[in-house]
């Protein structure tokens, strides 16, 4: 599988209603979230901060440039097109994420729960789903769409993987926008109907210039 030429990749992304420059900005915001967390925030905070910033940026960018809306299905956070036919969600992937010819297909790092499996065409755990009947689910926030008819929703996963270069502080984000087959029984996405690998995004180390008064962050960002 060869890396698509920019025109081929960009045309495919455009048909889905997005673009690589947009997704690159989303990754940059996710990295900013990662770096905003400190050891004092506790274990797992950096990944959580990165996810929240990435989700917010994805929604804001898709709304601004393509008129998409934030949505929720089975309590899962999505971004959905105006026709409510295509949706994006973002997940953390393993080290094969974004590679053109991986040794094996990439997969999500953390297994999907019953709702996540159900959304992506899996069986899920119907007994556990019954613990959350529709009439007791919290109402969605204003301006958020609650989708109930999701069987025909085409869900694409913005799969991302962060690599840190020891000693230099440099970071590479690998990513792809891909449409999965239903997850396996354990909740992992192990096969894909279509994959759109994206260029690796390299982000430089944070420098803290010494000066009187305030300290500014200088984050060097550049795709490669």
Protein backbone atom coordinates (compact mmCIF):
# COMPACT_ATOMS: atom_id res chain seq x y z
CA UNK A 1 0.00 0.00 0.00
CA UNK A 2 1.61 3.23 -1.17
CA UNK A 3 1.12 6.53 0.60
CA UNK A 4 -1.52 8.41 -1.40
CA UNK A 5 -0.34 11.39 -3.38
CA UNK A 6 -1.44 14.60 -1.67
CA UNK A 7 -4.04 15.22 -4.37
CA UNK A 8 -5.50 11.72 -3.98
CA UNK A 9 -5.51 11.88 -0.20
CA UNK A 10 -6.86 15.41 -0.12
CA UNK A 11 -9.65 14.60 -2.54
CA UNK A 12 -10.69 11.63 -0.44
CA UNK A 13 -10.67 13.73 2.73
CA UNK A 14 -12.63 16.45 0.95
CA UNK A 15 -15.32 13.94 -0.03
CA UNK A 16 -15.63 13.04 3.66
CA UNK A 17 -15.86 16.70 4.58
CA UNK A 18 -12.46 17.44 6.10
CA UNK A 19 -8.83 18.12 5.17
CA UNK A 20 -5.28 17.37 6.28
CA UNK A 21 -4.53 21.00 7.32
CA UNK A 22 -7.60 20.85 9.56
CA UNK A 23 -6.62 17.52 11.12
CA UNK A 24 -3.06 18.77 11.57
CA UNK A 25 -4.36 21.66 13.65
CA UNK A 26 -6.38 19.18 15.70
CA UNK A 27 -3.21 17.20 16.45
CA UNK A 28 -1.40 20.39 17.43
CA UNK A 29 -4.14 21.25 19.91
CA UNK A 30 -3.98 17.75 21.31
CA UNK A 31 -0.25 18.14 21.91
CA UNK A 32 -0.88 21.47 23.62
CA UNK A 33 -3.28 19.68 25.94
CA UNK A 34 -0.70 16.98 26.64
CA UNK A 35 1.90 19.58 27.60
CA UNK A 36 -0.56 21.50 29.77
CA UNK A 37 -0.72 18.58 32.22
CA UNK A 38 1.95 18.08 34.86
CA UNK A 39 2.89 15.26 37.21
CA UNK A 40 0.69 16.94 39.82
CA UNK A 41 -2.38 16.23 37.70
CA UNK A 42 -1.98 12.50 38.35
CA UNK A 43 -1.52 9.36 36.30
CA UNK A 44 -3.11 9.41 32.87
CA UNK A 45 -3.80 13.14 32.97
CA UNK A 46 -1.67 13.96 29.92
CA UNK A 47 -3.55 11.50 27.75
CA UNK A 48 -6.89 12.77 29.06
CA UNK A 49 -5.95 16.41 28.49
CA UNK A 50 -4.76 15.58 24.97
CA UNK A 51 -8.02 13.76 24.20
CA UNK A 52 -10.20 16.59 25.46
CA UNK A 53 -8.29 19.22 23.49
CA UNK A 54 -8.26 17.03 20.39
CA UNK A 55 -12.01 16.41 20.62
CA UNK A 56 -12.77 20.10 21.14
CA UNK A 57 -10.50 21.15 18.27
CA UNK A 58 -12.02 18.55 15.95
CA UNK A 59 -15.51 19.82 16.69
CA UNK A 60 -14.59 23.47 16.43
CA UNK A 61 -12.64 23.07 13.19
CA UNK A 62 -15.30 20.90 11.53
CA UNK A 63 -18.03 23.34 12.60
CA UNK A 64 -16.12 26.39 11.37
CA UNK A 65 -15.01 25.04 8.02
CA UNK A 66 -17.66 22.45 7.13
CA UNK A 67 -20.74 23.17 9.23
CA UNK A 68 -20.57 19.96 11.28
CA UNK A 69 -22.14 19.58 14.73
CA UNK A 70 -21.13 17.97 17.95
CA UNK A 71 -23.23 14.90 18.66
CA UNK A 72 -23.62 12.08 21.11
CA UNK A 73 -24.61 8.48 20.42
CA UNK A 74 -24.92 5.95 23.25
CA UNK A 75 -23.09 8.48 25.43
CA UNK A 76 -20.16 8.51 22.96
CA UNK A 77 -18.79 11.88 21.82
CA UNK A 78 -18.90 12.38 18.04
CA UNK A 79 -18.68 15.07 15.40
CA UNK A 80 -21.35 14.68 12.71
CA UNK A 81 -21.92 16.17 9.27
CA UNK A 82 -24.98 18.37 8.56
CA UNK A 83 -26.85 15.46 6.94
CA UNK A 84 -26.16 13.19 9.96
CA UNK A 85 -24.76 10.48 7.70
CA UNK A 86 -21.02 10.64 8.54
CA UNK A 87 -19.48 10.94 11.99
CA UNK A 88 -15.93 11.21 13.33
CA UNK A 89 -14.65 9.99 16.66
CA UNK A 90 -11.07 10.08 17.89
CA UNK A 91 -9.26 7.20 19.58
CA UNK A 92 -5.71 6.41 20.65
CA UNK A 93 -4.03 3.82 18.42
CA UNK A 94 -1.03 1.54 18.77
CA UNK A 95 2.41 1.96 17.20
CA UNK A 96 1.17 0.81 13.79
CA UNK A 97 -1.14 3.81 13.52
CA UNK A 98 -0.61 5.89 10.38
CA UNK A 99 1.96 3.55 8.86
CA UNK A 100 1.46 2.89 5.17
CA UNK A 101 2.60 -0.73 5.20
CA UNK A 102 2.42 -1.89 8.83
CA UNK A 103 3.36 -5.40 9.89
CA UNK A 104 -0.25 -5.75 10.90
CA UNK A 105 -3.25 -3.42 10.76
CA UNK A 106 -3.32 -0.78 13.47
CA UNK A 107 -5.80 -1.08 16.29
CA UNK A 108 -7.15 0.99 19.12
CA UNK A 109 -4.95 0.97 22.20
CA UNK A 110 -7.84 0.58 24.63
CA UNK A 111 -10.74 -1.82 23.95
CA UNK A 112 -14.15 -0.36 23.24
CA UNK A 113 -16.84 -0.87 25.84
CA UNK A 114 -20.34 -2.19 25.14
CA UNK A 115 -21.61 1.11 23.73
CA UNK A 116 -18.54 1.62 21.58
CA UNK A 117 -18.85 -1.88 20.17
CA UNK A 118 -22.53 -1.37 19.46
CA UNK A 119 -21.91 1.93 17.67
CA UNK A 120 -19.32 0.36 15.38
CA UNK A 121 -21.45 -2.61 14.46
CA UNK A 122 -20.46 -5.06 17.18
CA UNK A 123 -22.79 -6.96 19.44
CA UNK A 124 -21.84 -5.21 22.67
CA UNK A 125 -23.21 -6.32 26.02
CA UNK A 126 -26.96 -5.91 25.95
CA UNK A 127 -27.31 -6.73 29.63
CA UNK A 128 -24.97 -3.91 30.58
CA UNK A 129 -26.70 -1.54 28.19
CA UNK A 130 -29.96 -2.19 30.02
CA UNK A 131 -28.42 -0.58 33.10
CA UNK A 132 -28.74 2.75 31.29
CA UNK A 133 -32.29 2.97 29.88
CA UNK A 134 -33.01 5.88 27.58
CA UNK A 135 -35.42 7.53 30.01
CA UNK A 136 -32.73 8.07 32.67
CA UNK A 137 -29.90 9.23 30.42
CA UNK A 138 -28.92 12.85 31.10
CA UNK A 139 -30.16 15.33 28.55
CA UNK A 140 -27.46 16.47 26.10
CA UNK A 141 -26.11 19.99 26.50
CA UNK A 142 -27.70 22.70 24.39
CA UNK A 143 -26.61 22.75 20.76
CA UNK A 144 -25.51 19.12 21.01
CA UNK A 145 -27.32 16.61 18.83
CA UNK A 146 -28.50 13.35 20.37
CA UNK A 147 -28.64 10.82 17.53
CA UNK A 148 -31.01 7.89 18.04
CA UNK A 149 -30.96 6.43 14.53
CA UNK A 150 -27.32 5.43 14.23
CA UNK A 151 -27.54 2.06 12.45
CA UNK A 152 -26.79 3.68 9.08
CA UNK A 153 -24.32 6.22 10.44
CA UNK A 154 -20.93 5.95 8.73
CA UNK A 155 -18.44 6.27 11.57
CA UNK A 156 -14.81 7.12 10.84
CA UNK A 157 -12.09 6.98 13.47
CA UNK A 158 -9.39 9.63 13.76
CA UNK A 159 -6.78 7.26 15.18
CA UNK A 160 -3.69 8.86 16.71
CA UNK A 161 -0.44 7.65 18.26
CA UNK A 162 2.16 9.77 20.05
CA UNK A 163 5.89 9.01 19.96
CA UNK A 164 8.36 10.83 22.18
CA UNK A 165 12.04 11.02 21.27
CA UNK A 166 14.08 10.56 24.46
CA UNK A 167 16.78 13.12 25.08
CA UNK A 168 15.50 15.69 22.60
CA UNK A 169 11.95 16.32 23.73
CA UNK A 170 10.75 16.09 20.15
CA UNK A 171 7.40 14.44 19.50
CA UNK A 172 5.84 12.74 16.49
CA UNK A 173 2.13 12.23 16.11
CA UNK A 174 1.12 9.44 13.75
CA UNK A 175 -2.47 9.43 12.61
CA UNK A 176 -5.00 8.22 10.12
CA UNK A 177 -8.67 8.71 9.36
CA UNK A 178 -10.08 5.25 8.83
CA UNK A 179 -13.36 3.40 8.73
CA UNK A 180 -13.29 0.22 10.81
CA UNK A 181 -14.98 -3.10 10.50
CA UNK A 182 -16.92 -4.08 13.64
CA UNK A 183 -14.66 -4.66 16.68
CA UNK A 184 -13.70 -8.13 17.80
CA UNK A 185 -15.15 -9.78 20.89
CA UNK A 186 -12.57 -8.07 23.09
CA UNK A 187 -13.50 -4.63 21.77
CA UNK A 188 -10.47 -4.05 19.53
CA UNK A 189 -10.62 -2.65 16.01
CA UNK A 190 -8.38 -5.06 14.13
CA UNK A 191 -9.52 -4.64 10.52
CA UNK A 192 -10.52 -1.66 8.44
CA UNK A 193 -12.81 -1.05 5.48
CA UNK A 194 -10.68 1.90 4.39
CA UNK A 195 -7.59 3.60 5.78
CA UNK A 196 -6.33 7.10 4.99
CA UNK A 197 -2.82 7.35 6.50
CA UNK A 198 -1.80 10.93 7.23
CA UNK A 199 1.69 12.48 7.30
CA UNK A 200 3.56 12.23 10.58
CA UNK A 201 3.51 15.51 12.46
CA UNK A 202 6.74 16.44 14.24
CA UNK A 203 6.59 18.90 17.11
CA UNK A 204 9.72 20.33 18.69
CA UNK A 205 10.62 20.50 22.35
CA UNK A 206 9.26 23.25 24.55
CA UNK A 207 11.78 25.94 25.40
CA UNK A 208 11.47 28.31 28.35
CA UNK A 209 13.30 31.57 27.58
CA UNK A 210 14.76 33.18 30.66
CA UNK A 211 13.58 36.72 31.12
CA UNK A 212 12.21 39.14 33.60
CA UNK A 213 8.54 38.79 34.37
CA UNK A 214 6.54 36.34 32.31
CA UNK A 215 7.79 33.17 30.66
CA UNK A 216 6.59 32.31 27.20
CA UNK A 217 6.29 28.87 25.67
CA UNK A 218 7.90 28.39 22.29
CA UNK A 219 6.54 25.24 20.67
CA UNK A 220 8.06 24.47 17.29
CA UNK A 221 5.60 22.71 15.03
CA UNK A 222 6.11 21.34 11.58
CA UNK A 223 4.75 18.43 9.52
CA UNK A 224 6.97 15.86 7.92
